[in-house]
Amino acid sequence: MAIGAFLKKHFWIAHLIVLATCVFFLAKAVNYLALGSIPRPEAKKTKQARLPVSAASLYPTPRDSKPIIERNIFCSAAKCDPKEEVIVEKVTEEVNLEPIESSLPFKLYATMVSPSDPRWSFATVLNTETNYNGLYAPGHKLIEGVAVESVEERRMYLSNHGKPEYIDLIKSKDSPKKPKSVSASSTSKSRSSRSKRKDKMGEEFGKGVTKKGEHSWEIQRGALDKILNNTAQLVKGARIVPASGGGFKLFAVKPGSVYDILGLKNGDKLHSINGNEMSSPDKALELYTKLRSASHLTLGMERSGKSITNDYSIR
């Protein structure tokens, strides 16, 4: 009863809600119709031309790299003239690699050639600027950028900053200009006079050497320095040949020469200095260099199949 009385009393609220809803929808409909009846100005539409897009343009195939690889990078143009490339190749092939006579400040005084092993060939070279006289083997540097390439009987080949050059053996002032016909008696006289001719270096060196025993000598420092600083004359006292297995063999030892004064004889095979074997050209030159500062030397050699050691004290 109470609920029924309540609804009857307030039922007008429900009517009001329904009426408001109907008004809302009616207003929406009127608004829609009004907007549809008003004409709108048409906007000018510009159609853009669209190019056809292909799958090939979206996914390009790899380019051929052969033209890039074969292209001459030194040519500024896209395509070089093939004639120019041929000319470049010909010029490269025609570069003159023949050795020329060197203008460097060196003089070749003597050579020692080993036919069996060129590494054991040596050259006695004088630097005319520093006045230094020394032995050099193939591969050894004379000055910065200049090294010995090979040594022949009367010529030494160099590499001067990569360019091949050569230096010829200096000509002896005593060599005759032309051979003359002479009699047998005059020939025998000239040979005897040469054999009696004294070795000036040996004679000077002998003044600073004293023999103490069968295989021992005492050498003055000044006398040793003189012969080491004049290897050009030193090598003339005997013929020195590289021996098989290392070391050197002596032949044609001149009487009164430095070798003779030091107790060396024809056929001696020198194989060690101070116990260090001369097993390679580099080792031999190293030992030769150490002679300048050594105070005592022992020279190991082989003579007639026997081992001999000569002892030298330097004062």
C-alpha atoms as a PDB file:
ATOM      1  CA  MET A   1       0.000   0.000   0.000  1.00  0.00           C
ATOM      2  CA  ALA A   2       2.778   2.363   0.945  1.00  0.00           C
ATOM      3  CA  ILE A   3       4.678   1.682  -2.319  1.00  0.00           C
ATOM      4  CA  GLY A   4       1.544   2.144  -4.408  1.00  0.00           C
ATOM      5  CA  ALA A   5       0.798   5.406  -2.717  1.00  0.00           C
ATOM      6  CA  PHE A   6       4.389   6.555  -3.329  1.00  0.00           C
ATOM      7  CA  LEU A   7       4.283   5.743  -7.058  1.00  0.00           C
ATOM      8  CA  LYS A   8       0.962   7.524  -7.534  1.00  0.00           C
ATOM      9  CA  LYS A   9       2.309  10.558  -5.765  1.00  0.00           C
ATOM     10  CA  HIS A  10       5.575  10.797  -7.788  1.00  0.00           C
ATOM     11  CA  PHE A  11       4.620   9.233 -11.162  1.00  0.00           C
ATOM     12  CA  TRP A  12       4.944  12.619 -12.829  1.00  0.00           C
ATOM     13  CA  ILE A  13       8.758  12.329 -12.573  1.00  0.00           C
ATOM     14  CA  ALA A  14       8.723   9.307 -14.874  1.00  0.00           C
ATOM     15  CA  HIS A  15       6.663  11.272 -17.430  1.00  0.00           C
ATOM     16  CA  LEU A  16       9.171  14.095 -17.257  1.00  0.00           C
ATOM     17  CA  ILE A  17      12.124  11.759 -17.972  1.00  0.00           C
ATOM     18  CA  VAL A  18      10.404  10.201 -20.982  1.00  0.00           C
ATOM     19  CA  LEU A  19       9.495  13.641 -22.328  1.00  0.00           C
ATOM     20  CA  ALA A  20      13.121  14.893 -22.016  1.00  0.00           C
ATOM     21  CA  THR A  21      14.416  11.856 -23.893  1.00  0.00           C
ATOM     22  CA  CYS A  22      12.006  12.377 -26.735  1.00  0.00           C
ATOM     23  CA  VAL A  23      12.956  16.040 -27.008  1.00  0.00           C
ATOM     24  CA  PHE A  24      16.678  15.160 -27.181  1.00  0.00           C
ATOM     25  CA  PHE A  25      16.265  12.716 -30.051  1.00  0.00           C
ATOM     26  CA  LEU A  26      13.972  15.114 -31.876  1.00  0.00           C
ATOM     27  CA  ALA A  27      16.581  17.910 -31.652  1.00  0.00           C
ATOM     28  CA  LYS A  28      19.293  15.574 -33.033  1.00  0.00           C
ATOM     29  CA  ALA A  29      17.113  14.694 -35.981  1.00  0.00           C
ATOM     30  CA  VAL A  30      16.322  18.297 -36.765  1.00  0.00           C
ATOM     31  CA  ASN A  31      20.007  19.249 -36.602  1.00  0.00           C
ATOM     32  CA  TYR A  32      20.980  16.454 -38.981  1.00  0.00           C
ATOM     33  CA  LEU A  33      18.329  17.472 -41.490  1.00  0.00           C
ATOM     34  CA  ALA A  34      19.346  21.097 -41.306  1.00  0.00           C
ATOM     35  CA  LEU A  35      23.001  20.375 -41.982  1.00  0.00           C
ATOM     36  CA  GLY A  36      22.166  18.147 -44.899  1.00  0.00           C
ATOM     37  CA  SER A  37      20.080  20.810 -46.586  1.00  0.00           C
ATOM     38  CA  ILE A  38      22.811  23.517 -46.511  1.00  0.00           C
ATOM     39  CA  PRO A  39      25.015  23.361 -49.688  1.00  0.00           C
ATOM     40  CA  ARG A  40      28.824  23.162 -49.124  1.00  0.00           C
ATOM     41  CA  PRO A  41      31.473  24.703 -51.440  1.00  0.00           C
ATOM     42  CA  GLU A  42      33.422  21.994 -53.233  1.00  0.00           C
ATOM     43  CA  ALA A  43      37.197  22.071 -52.618  1.00  0.00           C
ATOM     44  CA  LYS A  44      39.427  21.876 -55.643  1.00  0.00           C
ATOM     45  CA  LYS A  45      41.178  18.571 -55.642  1.00  0.00           C
ATOM     46  CA  THR A  46      44.614  18.285 -57.352  1.00  0.00           C
ATOM     47  CA  LYS A  47      45.404  14.866 -58.496  1.00  0.00           C
ATOM     48  CA  GLN A  48      49.075  13.977 -58.351  1.00  0.00           C
ATOM     49  CA  ALA A  49      50.406  11.718 -60.988  1.00  0.00           C
ATOM     50  CA  ARG A  50      51.649   8.534 -59.418  1.00  0.00           C
ATOM     51  CA  LEU A  51      54.343   6.587 -61.117  1.00  0.00           C
ATOM     52  CA  PRO A  52      53.911   2.860 -61.316  1.00  0.00           C
ATOM     53  CA  VAL A  53      55.994   1.154 -58.682  1.00  0.00           C
ATOM     54  CA  SER A  54      57.549  -2.118 -59.678  1.00  0.00           C
ATOM     55  CA  ALA A  55      59.004  -4.777 -57.480  1.00  0.00           C
ATOM     56  CA  ALA A  56      62.315  -4.414 -59.298  1.00  0.00           C
ATOM     57  CA  SER A  57      62.602  -0.771 -58.224  1.00  0.00           C
ATOM     58  CA  LEU A  58      61.807  -1.606 -54.620  1.00  0.00           C
ATOM     59  CA  TYR A  59      64.252  -4.483 -54.553  1.00  0.00           C
ATOM     60  CA  PRO A  60      67.102  -3.661 -56.998  1.00  0.00           C
ATOM     61  CA  THR A  61      69.308  -6.462 -58.166  1.00  0.00           C
ATOM     62  CA  PRO A  62      73.047  -6.299 -57.231  1.00  0.00           C
ATOM     63  CA  ARG A  63      75.233  -4.371 -59.696  1.00  0.00           C
ATOM     64  CA  ASP A  64      78.007  -6.066 -61.593  1.00  0.00           C
ATOM     65  CA  SER A  65      81.284  -5.277 -59.731  1.00  0.00           C
ATOM     66  CA  LYS A  66      83.552  -6.212 -62.637  1.00  0.00           C
ATOM     67  CA  PRO A  67      83.698  -2.680 -64.171  1.00  0.00           C
ATOM     68  CA  ILE A  68      84.597  -1.239 -60.758  1.00  0.00           C
ATOM     69  CA  ILE A  69      87.386  -3.751 -60.217  1.00  0.00           C
ATOM     70  CA  GLU A  70      88.829  -3.280 -63.706  1.00  0.00           C
ATOM     71  CA  ARG A  71      88.641   0.499 -63.589  1.00  0.00           C
ATOM     72  CA  ASN A  72      91.944   2.394 -63.586  1.00  0.00           C
ATOM     73  CA  ILE A  73      91.964   4.375 -60.318  1.00  0.00           C
ATOM     74  CA  PHE A  74      94.568   6.737 -61.753  1.00  0.00           C
ATOM     75  CA  CYS A  75      92.257   7.823 -64.546  1.00  0.00           C
ATOM     76  CA  SER A  76      90.075  10.860 -63.769  1.00  0.00           C
ATOM     77  CA  ALA A  77      87.628  10.068 -66.546  1.00  0.00           C
ATOM     78  CA  ALA A  78      84.983   7.405 -66.221  1.00  0.00           C
ATOM     79  CA  LYS A  79      86.582   5.419 -68.995  1.00  0.00           C
ATOM     80  CA  CYS A  80      90.271   5.516 -69.785  1.00  0.00           C
ATOM     81  CA  ASP A  81      91.720   5.218 -73.199  1.00  0.00           C
ATOM     82  CA  PRO A  82      93.075   1.634 -73.514  1.00  0.00           C
ATOM     83  CA  LYS A  83      96.011   2.986 -75.536  1.00  0.00           C
ATOM     84  CA  GLU A  84      97.188   4.973 -72.509  1.00  0.00           C
ATOM     85  CA  GLU A  85      97.176   1.834 -70.337  1.00  0.00           C
ATOM     86  CA  VAL A  86      99.286  -0.025 -72.895  1.00  0.00           C
ATOM     87  CA  ILE A  87     101.789   2.848 -72.949  1.00  0.00           C
ATOM     88  CA  VAL A  88     102.101   2.776 -69.156  1.00  0.00           C
ATOM     89  CA  GLU A  89     102.799  -0.965 -69.207  1.00  0.00           C
ATOM     90  CA  LYS A  90     105.415  -0.570 -71.923  1.00  0.00           C
ATOM     91  CA  VAL A  91     107.184   2.243 -70.057  1.00  0.00           C
ATOM     92  CA  THR A  92     107.300   0.069 -66.931  1.00  0.00           C
ATOM     93  CA  GLU A  93     108.825  -2.799 -68.870  1.00  0.00           C
ATOM     94  CA  GLU A  94     111.380  -0.581 -70.569  1.00  0.00           C
ATOM     95  CA  VAL A  95     112.855   0.816 -67.315  1.00  0.00           C
ATOM     96  CA  ASN A  96     116.620   0.493 -67.507  1.00  0.00           C
ATOM     97  CA  LEU A  97     117.830  -1.820 -64.734  1.00  0.00           C
ATOM     98  CA  GLU A  98     121.398  -2.142 -66.029  1.00  0.00           C
ATOM     99  CA  PRO A  99     123.977  -1.225 -63.353  1.00  0.00           C
ATOM    100  CA  ILE A 100     125.893   1.993 -63.873  1.00  0.00           C
ATOM    101  CA  GLU A 101     129.313   3.034 -62.596  1.00  0.00           C
ATOM    102  CA  SER A 102     128.928   4.460 -59.123  1.00  0.00           C
ATOM    103  CA  SER A 103     129.837   8.031 -58.255  1.00  0.00           C
ATOM    104  CA  LEU A 104     129.883   7.293 -54.521  1.00  0.00           C
ATOM    105  CA  PRO A 105     133.069   8.102 -52.539  1.00  0.00           C
ATOM    106  CA  PHE A 106     134.404   4.518 -52.513  1.00  0.00           C
ATOM    107  CA  LYS A 107     137.461   2.827 -53.998  1.00  0.00           C
ATOM    108  CA  LEU A 108     137.784  -0.911 -54.505  1.00  0.00           C
ATOM    109  CA  TYR A 109     141.343  -2.003 -53.653  1.00  0.00           C
ATOM    110  CA  ALA A 110     141.093  -5.796 -53.529  1.00  0.00           C
ATOM    111  CA  THR A 111     138.630  -8.658 -53.832  1.00  0.00           C
ATOM    112  CA  MET A 112     138.503 -12.214 -52.531  1.00  0.00           C
ATOM    113  CA  VAL A 113     136.039 -14.338 -54.503  1.00  0.00           C
ATOM    114  CA  SER A 114     134.534 -17.659 -53.456  1.00  0.00           C
ATOM    115  CA  PRO A 115     133.161 -19.469 -56.559  1.00  0.00           C
ATOM    116  CA  SER A 116     131.449 -22.182 -54.497  1.00  0.00           C
ATOM    117  CA  ASP A 117     129.692 -19.828 -52.057  1.00  0.00           C
ATOM    118  CA  PRO A 118     129.338 -16.128 -53.017  1.00  0.00           C
ATOM    119  CA  ARG A 119     128.591 -15.261 -49.380  1.00  0.00           C
ATOM    120  CA  TRP A 120     132.278 -15.855 -48.590  1.00  0.00           C
ATOM    121  CA  SER A 121     133.422 -13.299 -51.148  1.00  0.00           C
ATOM    122  CA  PHE A 122     134.911 -10.125 -49.684  1.00  0.00           C
ATOM    123  CA  ALA A 123     135.899  -6.694 -50.965  1.00  0.00           C
ATOM    124  CA  THR A 124     138.417  -4.261 -49.531  1.00  0.00           C
ATOM    125  CA  VAL A 125     136.825  -0.837 -49.842  1.00  0.00           C
ATOM    126  CA  LEU A 126     138.107   2.625 -48.946  1.00  0.00           C
ATOM    127  CA  ASN A 127     135.703   5.416 -48.075  1.00  0.00           C
ATOM    128  CA  THR A 128     137.493   8.479 -49.417  1.00  0.00           C
ATOM    129  CA  GLU A 129     135.412  10.862 -47.284  1.00  0.00           C
ATOM    130  CA  THR A 130     136.072   9.192 -43.925  1.00  0.00           C
ATOM    131  CA  ASN A 131     139.342   7.502 -44.961  1.00  0.00           C
ATOM    132  CA  TYR A 132     138.005   4.260 -43.468  1.00  0.00           C
ATOM    133  CA  ASN A 133     139.300   1.066 -45.065  1.00  0.00           C
ATOM    134  CA  GLY A 134     137.489  -2.181 -44.359  1.00  0.00           C
ATOM    135  CA  LEU A 135     136.287  -5.586 -45.538  1.00  0.00           C
ATOM    136  CA  TYR A 136     132.760  -6.067 -46.805  1.00  0.00           C
ATOM    137  CA  ALA A 137     130.765  -9.123 -47.838  1.00  0.00           C
ATOM    138  CA  PRO A 138     127.551  -9.345 -49.882  1.00  0.00           C
ATOM    139  CA  GLY A 139     124.631  -7.975 -47.898  1.00  0.00           C
ATOM    140  CA  HIS A 140     126.752  -5.664 -45.742  1.00  0.00           C
ATOM    141  CA  LYS A 141     126.018  -1.948 -45.610  1.00  0.00           C
ATOM    142  CA  LEU A 142     128.642   0.574 -46.687  1.00  0.00           C
ATOM    143  CA  ILE A 143     126.652   3.653 -45.705  1.00  0.00           C
ATOM    144  CA  GLU A 144     122.965   4.340 -45.093  1.00  0.00           C
ATOM    145  CA  GLY A 145     120.992   3.098 -48.100  1.00  0.00           C
ATOM    146  CA  VAL A 146     124.026   1.554 -49.832  1.00  0.00           C
ATOM    147  CA  ALA A 147     124.890  -2.151 -49.507  1.00  0.00           C
ATOM    148  CA  VAL A 148     127.110  -4.683 -51.270  1.00  0.00           C
ATOM    149  CA  GLU A 149     125.186  -6.945 -53.655  1.00  0.00           C
ATOM    150  CA  SER A 150     127.977  -9.181 -54.972  1.00  0.00           C
ATOM    151  CA  VAL A 151     131.754  -9.336 -55.366  1.00  0.00           C
ATOM    152  CA  GLU A 152     133.531 -10.430 -58.515  1.00  0.00           C
ATOM    153  CA  GLU A 153     137.213 -10.735 -59.335  1.00  0.00           C
ATOM    154  CA  ARG A 154     137.622  -7.159 -60.499  1.00  0.00           C
ATOM    155  CA  ARG A 155     134.267  -5.560 -59.688  1.00  0.00           C
ATOM    156  CA  MET A 156     131.880  -4.990 -56.778  1.00  0.00           C
ATOM    157  CA  TYR A 157     128.146  -4.498 -57.332  1.00  0.00           C
ATOM    158  CA  LEU A 158     126.150  -2.196 -55.071  1.00  0.00           C
ATOM    159  CA  SER A 159     122.547  -1.325 -54.356  1.00  0.00           C
ATOM    160  CA  ASN A 160     122.331   2.458 -54.035  1.00  0.00           C
ATOM    161  CA  HIS A 161     118.843   3.072 -52.589  1.00  0.00           C
ATOM    162  CA  GLY A 162     117.517   0.283 -54.803  1.00  0.00           C
ATOM    163  CA  LYS A 163     119.453   1.301 -57.945  1.00  0.00           C
ATOM    164  CA  PRO A 164     122.139  -1.118 -59.233  1.00  0.00           C
ATOM    165  CA  GLU A 165     125.652   0.302 -59.464  1.00  0.00           C
ATOM    166  CA  TYR A 166     129.208  -1.047 -59.610  1.00  0.00           C
ATOM    167  CA  ILE A 167     132.762  -0.092 -58.651  1.00  0.00           C
ATOM    168  CA  ASP A 168     135.740  -1.477 -60.547  1.00  0.00           C
ATOM    169  CA  LEU A 169     139.023  -2.493 -59.010  1.00  0.00           C
ATOM    170  CA  ILE A 170     141.485   0.385 -59.072  1.00  0.00           C
ATOM    171  CA  LYS A 171     144.271   0.062 -61.581  1.00  0.00           C
ATOM    172  CA  SER A 172     147.760  -0.419 -60.230  1.00  0.00           C
ATOM    173  CA  LYS A 173     150.175   2.376 -61.031  1.00  0.00           C
ATOM    174  CA  ASP A 174     152.916  -0.175 -61.555  1.00  0.00           C
ATOM    175  CA  SER A 175     151.027  -2.179 -64.191  1.00  0.00           C
ATOM    176  CA  PRO A 176     152.619  -1.973 -67.644  1.00  0.00           C
ATOM    177  CA  LYS A 177     150.716  -0.207 -70.400  1.00  0.00           C
ATOM    178  CA  LYS A 178     151.482  -2.778 -73.089  1.00  0.00           C
ATOM    179  CA  PRO A 179     153.325  -6.092 -73.026  1.00  0.00           C
ATOM    180  CA  LYS A 180     156.699  -5.907 -74.704  1.00  0.00           C
ATOM    181  CA  SER A 181     158.687  -8.736 -76.253  1.00  0.00           C
ATOM    182  CA  VAL A 182     161.630  -9.538 -73.999  1.00  0.00           C
ATOM    183  CA  SER A 183     164.312 -12.164 -74.008  1.00  0.00           C
ATOM    184  CA  ALA A 184     164.414 -15.130 -71.667  1.00  0.00           C
ATOM    185  CA  SER A 185     167.370 -13.673 -69.752  1.00  0.00           C
ATOM    186  CA  SER A 186     165.550 -10.387 -69.083  1.00  0.00           C
ATOM    187  CA  THR A 187     162.429 -12.320 -67.962  1.00  0.00           C
ATOM    188  CA  SER A 188     164.425 -14.332 -65.423  1.00  0.00           C
ATOM    189  CA  LYS A 189     166.044 -11.140 -64.145  1.00  0.00           C
ATOM    190  CA  SER A 190     162.676  -9.425 -63.641  1.00  0.00           C
ATOM    191  CA  ARG A 191     161.333 -12.445 -61.750  1.00  0.00           C
ATOM    192  CA  SER A 192     164.350 -12.550 -59.476  1.00  0.00           C
ATOM    193  CA  SER A 193     164.078  -8.804 -58.817  1.00  0.00           C
ATOM    194  CA  ARG A 194     160.389  -9.199 -57.880  1.00  0.00           C
ATOM    195  CA  SER A 195     161.158 -12.064 -55.527  1.00  0.00           C
ATOM    196  CA  LYS A 196     163.847  -9.977 -53.819  1.00  0.00           C
ATOM    197  CA  ARG A 197     161.572  -6.934 -53.573  1.00  0.00           C
ATOM    198  CA  LYS A 198     160.693  -6.306 -49.916  1.00  0.00           C
ATOM    199  CA  ASP A 199     157.187  -5.959 -48.604  1.00  0.00           C
ATOM    200  CA  LYS A 200     157.186  -2.389 -47.285  1.00  0.00           C
ATOM    201  CA  MET A 201     154.184  -2.987 -45.030  1.00  0.00           C
ATOM    202  CA  GLY A 202     155.702  -6.193 -43.677  1.00  0.00           C
ATOM    203  CA  GLU A 203     159.006  -4.447 -43.062  1.00  0.00           C
ATOM    204  CA  GLU A 204     157.278  -1.651 -41.130  1.00  0.00           C
ATOM    205  CA  PHE A 205     155.051  -4.103 -39.245  1.00  0.00           C
ATOM    206  CA  GLY A 206     158.010  -6.284 -38.301  1.00  0.00           C
ATOM    207  CA  LYS A 207     159.484  -3.417 -36.269  1.00  0.00           C
ATOM    208  CA  GLY A 208     156.581  -3.679 -33.834  1.00  0.00           C
ATOM    209  CA  VAL A 209     156.554  -7.488 -33.505  1.00  0.00           C
ATOM    210  CA  THR A 210     158.685  -9.638 -31.212  1.00  0.00           C
ATOM    211  CA  LYS A 211     158.688 -13.445 -31.384  1.00  0.00           C
ATOM    212  CA  LYS A 212     158.530 -14.958 -27.885  1.00  0.00           C
ATOM    213  CA  GLY A 213     158.357 -18.649 -28.715  1.00  0.00           C
ATOM    214  CA  GLU A 214     157.600 -21.177 -31.431  1.00  0.00           C
ATOM    215  CA  HIS A 215     153.928 -20.170 -31.533  1.00  0.00           C
ATOM    216  CA  SER A 216     153.822 -16.927 -29.545  1.00  0.00           C
ATOM    217  CA  TRP A 217     154.409 -13.281 -30.494  1.00  0.00           C
ATOM    218  CA  GLU A 218     154.132  -9.843 -28.938  1.00  0.00           C
ATOM    219  CA  ILE A 219     152.668  -7.068 -31.106  1.00  0.00           C
ATOM    220  CA  GLN A 220     152.695  -3.323 -30.503  1.00  0.00           C
ATOM    221  CA  ARG A 221     149.221  -1.757 -30.678  1.00  0.00           C
ATOM    222  CA  GLY A 222     150.358   0.920 -33.134  1.00  0.00           C
ATOM    223  CA  ALA A 223     151.749  -1.686 -35.546  1.00  0.00           C
ATOM    224  CA  LEU A 224     148.490  -3.666 -35.492  1.00  0.00           C
ATOM    225  CA  ASP A 225     146.369  -0.567 -36.069  1.00  0.00           C
ATOM    226  CA  LYS A 226     148.426   0.339 -39.131  1.00  0.00           C
ATOM    227  CA  ILE A 227     147.798  -2.948 -40.923  1.00  0.00           C
ATOM    228  CA  LEU A 228     144.112  -3.005 -39.972  1.00  0.00           C
ATOM    229  CA  ASN A 229     143.711   0.487 -41.391  1.00  0.00           C
ATOM    230  CA  ASN A 230     145.370  -0.519 -44.660  1.00  0.00           C
ATOM    231  CA  THR A 231     143.652  -3.739 -45.685  1.00  0.00           C
ATOM    232  CA  ALA A 232     144.277  -2.861 -49.335  1.00  0.00           C
ATOM    233  CA  GLN A 233     147.992  -3.525 -48.844  1.00  0.00           C
ATOM    234  CA  LEU A 234     147.422  -6.285 -46.309  1.00  0.00           C
ATOM    235  CA  VAL A 235     145.662  -8.583 -48.792  1.00  0.00           C
ATOM    236  CA  LYS A 236     148.587  -8.328 -51.189  1.00  0.00           C
ATOM    237  CA  GLY A 237     150.839 -10.275 -48.838  1.00  0.00           C
ATOM    238  CA  ALA A 238     149.112 -13.596 -49.622  1.00  0.00           C
ATOM    239  CA  ARG A 239     146.253 -15.107 -51.560  1.00  0.00           C
ATOM    240  CA  ILE A 240     143.359 -15.768 -49.200  1.00  0.00           C
ATOM    241  CA  VAL A 241     140.644 -18.191 -50.295  1.00  0.00           C
ATOM    242  CA  PRO A 242     137.467 -19.121 -48.382  1.00  0.00           C
ATOM    243  CA  ALA A 243     137.773 -22.713 -47.186  1.00  0.00           C
ATOM    244  CA  SER A 244     135.059 -25.340 -47.314  1.00  0.00           C
ATOM    245  CA  GLY A 245     133.218 -25.574 -44.017  1.00  0.00           C
ATOM    246  CA  GLY A 246     134.178 -22.029 -42.991  1.00  0.00           C
ATOM    247  CA  GLY A 247     137.382 -20.128 -42.395  1.00  0.00           C
ATOM    248  CA  PHE A 248     140.092 -19.197 -44.865  1.00  0.00           C
ATOM    249  CA  LYS A 249     143.039 -20.867 -46.548  1.00  0.00           C
ATOM    250  CA  LEU A 250     146.338 -19.123 -47.321  1.00  0.00           C
ATOM    251  CA  PHE A 251     148.344 -19.514 -50.506  1.00  0.00           C
ATOM    252  CA  ALA A 252     151.350 -17.731 -51.978  1.00  0.00           C
ATOM    253  CA  VAL A 253     152.456 -16.205 -48.667  1.00  0.00           C
ATOM    254  CA  LYS A 254     155.182 -13.696 -49.534  1.00  0.00           C
ATOM    255  CA  PRO A 255     158.422 -13.802 -47.527  1.00  0.00           C
ATOM    256  CA  GLY A 256     158.649 -10.805 -45.214  1.00  0.00           C
ATOM    257  CA  SER A 257     154.910 -10.076 -45.469  1.00  0.00           C
ATOM    258  CA  VAL A 258     152.652  -9.530 -42.453  1.00  0.00           C
ATOM    259  CA  TYR A 259     151.471 -13.141 -42.714  1.00  0.00           C
ATOM    260  CA  ASP A 260     155.032 -14.440 -42.745  1.00  0.00           C
ATOM    261  CA  ILE A 261     155.947 -12.341 -39.695  1.00  0.00           C
ATOM    262  CA  LEU A 262     152.900 -13.702 -37.804  1.00  0.00           C
ATOM    263  CA  GLY A 263     154.090 -17.271 -38.411  1.00  0.00           C
ATOM    264  CA  LEU A 264     151.597 -18.206 -41.136  1.00  0.00           C
ATOM    265  CA  LYS A 265     152.540 -20.484 -44.036  1.00  0.00           C
ATOM    266  CA  ASN A 266     151.228 -21.658 -47.380  1.00  0.00           C
ATOM    267  CA  GLY A 267     148.302 -24.055 -47.023  1.00  0.00           C
ATOM    268  CA  ASP A 268     147.332 -22.968 -43.500  1.00  0.00           C
ATOM    269  CA  LYS A 269     143.578 -23.092 -42.893  1.00  0.00           C
ATOM    270  CA  LEU A 270     142.487 -20.456 -40.390  1.00  0.00           C
ATOM    271  CA  HIS A 271     139.274 -21.467 -38.636  1.00  0.00           C
ATOM    272  CA  SER A 272     138.979 -19.576 -35.315  1.00  0.00           C
ATOM    273  CA  ILE A 273     139.972 -16.420 -33.427  1.00  0.00           C
ATOM    274  CA  ASN A 274     139.978 -16.491 -29.614  1.00  0.00           C
ATOM    275  CA  GLY A 275     138.068 -19.767 -29.757  1.00  0.00           C
ATOM    276  CA  ASN A 276     135.280 -18.316 -31.942  1.00  0.00           C
ATOM    277  CA  GLU A 277     134.766 -20.284 -35.130  1.00  0.00           C
ATOM    278  CA  MET A 278     134.630 -18.342 -38.390  1.00  0.00           C
ATOM    279  CA  SER A 279     131.606 -20.351 -39.462  1.00  0.00           C
ATOM    280  CA  SER A 280     129.978 -17.655 -41.590  1.00  0.00           C
ATOM    281  CA  PRO A 281     130.967 -14.465 -43.412  1.00  0.00           C
ATOM    282  CA  ASP A 282     129.140 -12.375 -40.814  1.00  0.00           C
ATOM    283  CA  LYS A 283     131.052 -14.083 -38.012  1.00  0.00           C
ATOM    284  CA  ALA A 284     134.365 -13.605 -39.792  1.00  0.00           C
ATOM    285  CA  LEU A 285     133.721  -9.871 -40.250  1.00  0.00           C
ATOM    286  CA  GLU A 286     132.609  -9.576 -36.636  1.00  0.00           C
ATOM    287  CA  LEU A 287     135.867 -11.115 -35.435  1.00  0.00           C
ATOM    288  CA  TYR A 288     137.833  -8.912 -37.815  1.00  0.00           C
ATOM    289  CA  THR A 289     136.191  -5.836 -36.274  1.00  0.00           C
ATOM    290  CA  LYS A 290     137.032  -7.018 -32.742  1.00  0.00           C
ATOM    291  CA  LEU A 291     140.729  -7.164 -33.620  1.00  0.00           C
ATOM    292  CA  ARG A 292     140.891  -3.381 -33.257  1.00  0.00           C
ATOM    293  CA  SER A 293     140.155  -3.500 -29.529  1.00  0.00           C
ATOM    294  CA  ALA A 294     141.541  -6.930 -28.552  1.00  0.00           C
ATOM    295  CA  SER A 295     144.479  -7.196 -26.131  1.00  0.00           C
ATOM    296  CA  HIS A 296     145.121 -10.892 -26.719  1.00  0.00           C
ATOM    297  CA  LEU A 297     144.566 -13.108 -29.758  1.00  0.00           C
ATOM    298  CA  THR A 298     144.692 -16.838 -30.291  1.00  0.00           C
ATOM    299  CA  LEU A 299     144.539 -17.965 -33.898  1.00  0.00           C
ATOM    300  CA  GLY A 300     143.354 -21.524 -34.442  1.00  0.00           C
ATOM    301  CA  MET A 301     144.474 -23.181 -37.671  1.00  0.00           C
ATOM    302  CA  GLU A 302     145.092 -26.468 -39.405  1.00  0.00           C
ATOM    303  CA  ARG A 303     148.520 -27.152 -40.931  1.00  0.00           C
ATOM    304  CA  SER A 304     149.317 -30.365 -42.770  1.00  0.00           C
ATOM    305  CA  GLY A 305     146.453 -32.124 -40.994  1.00  0.00           C
ATOM    306  CA  LYS A 306     147.509 -30.962 -37.509  1.00  0.00           C
ATOM    307  CA  SER A 307     145.801 -28.407 -35.279  1.00  0.00           C
ATOM    308  CA  ILE A 308     147.997 -25.458 -34.319  1.00  0.00           C
ATOM    309  CA  THR A 309     147.296 -22.400 -32.175  1.00  0.00           C
ATOM    310  CA  ASN A 310     149.303 -19.200 -32.504  1.00  0.00           C
ATOM    311  CA  ASP A 311     149.234 -16.838 -29.533  1.00  0.00           C
ATOM    312  CA  TYR A 312     149.583 -13.054 -29.890  1.00  0.00           C
ATOM    313  CA  SER A 313     149.832 -10.541 -27.036  1.00  0.00           C
ATOM    314  CA  ILE A 314     149.021  -6.941 -27.969  1.00  0.00           C
ATOM    315  CA  ARG A 315     150.777  -4.193 -25.947  1.00  0.00           C
END
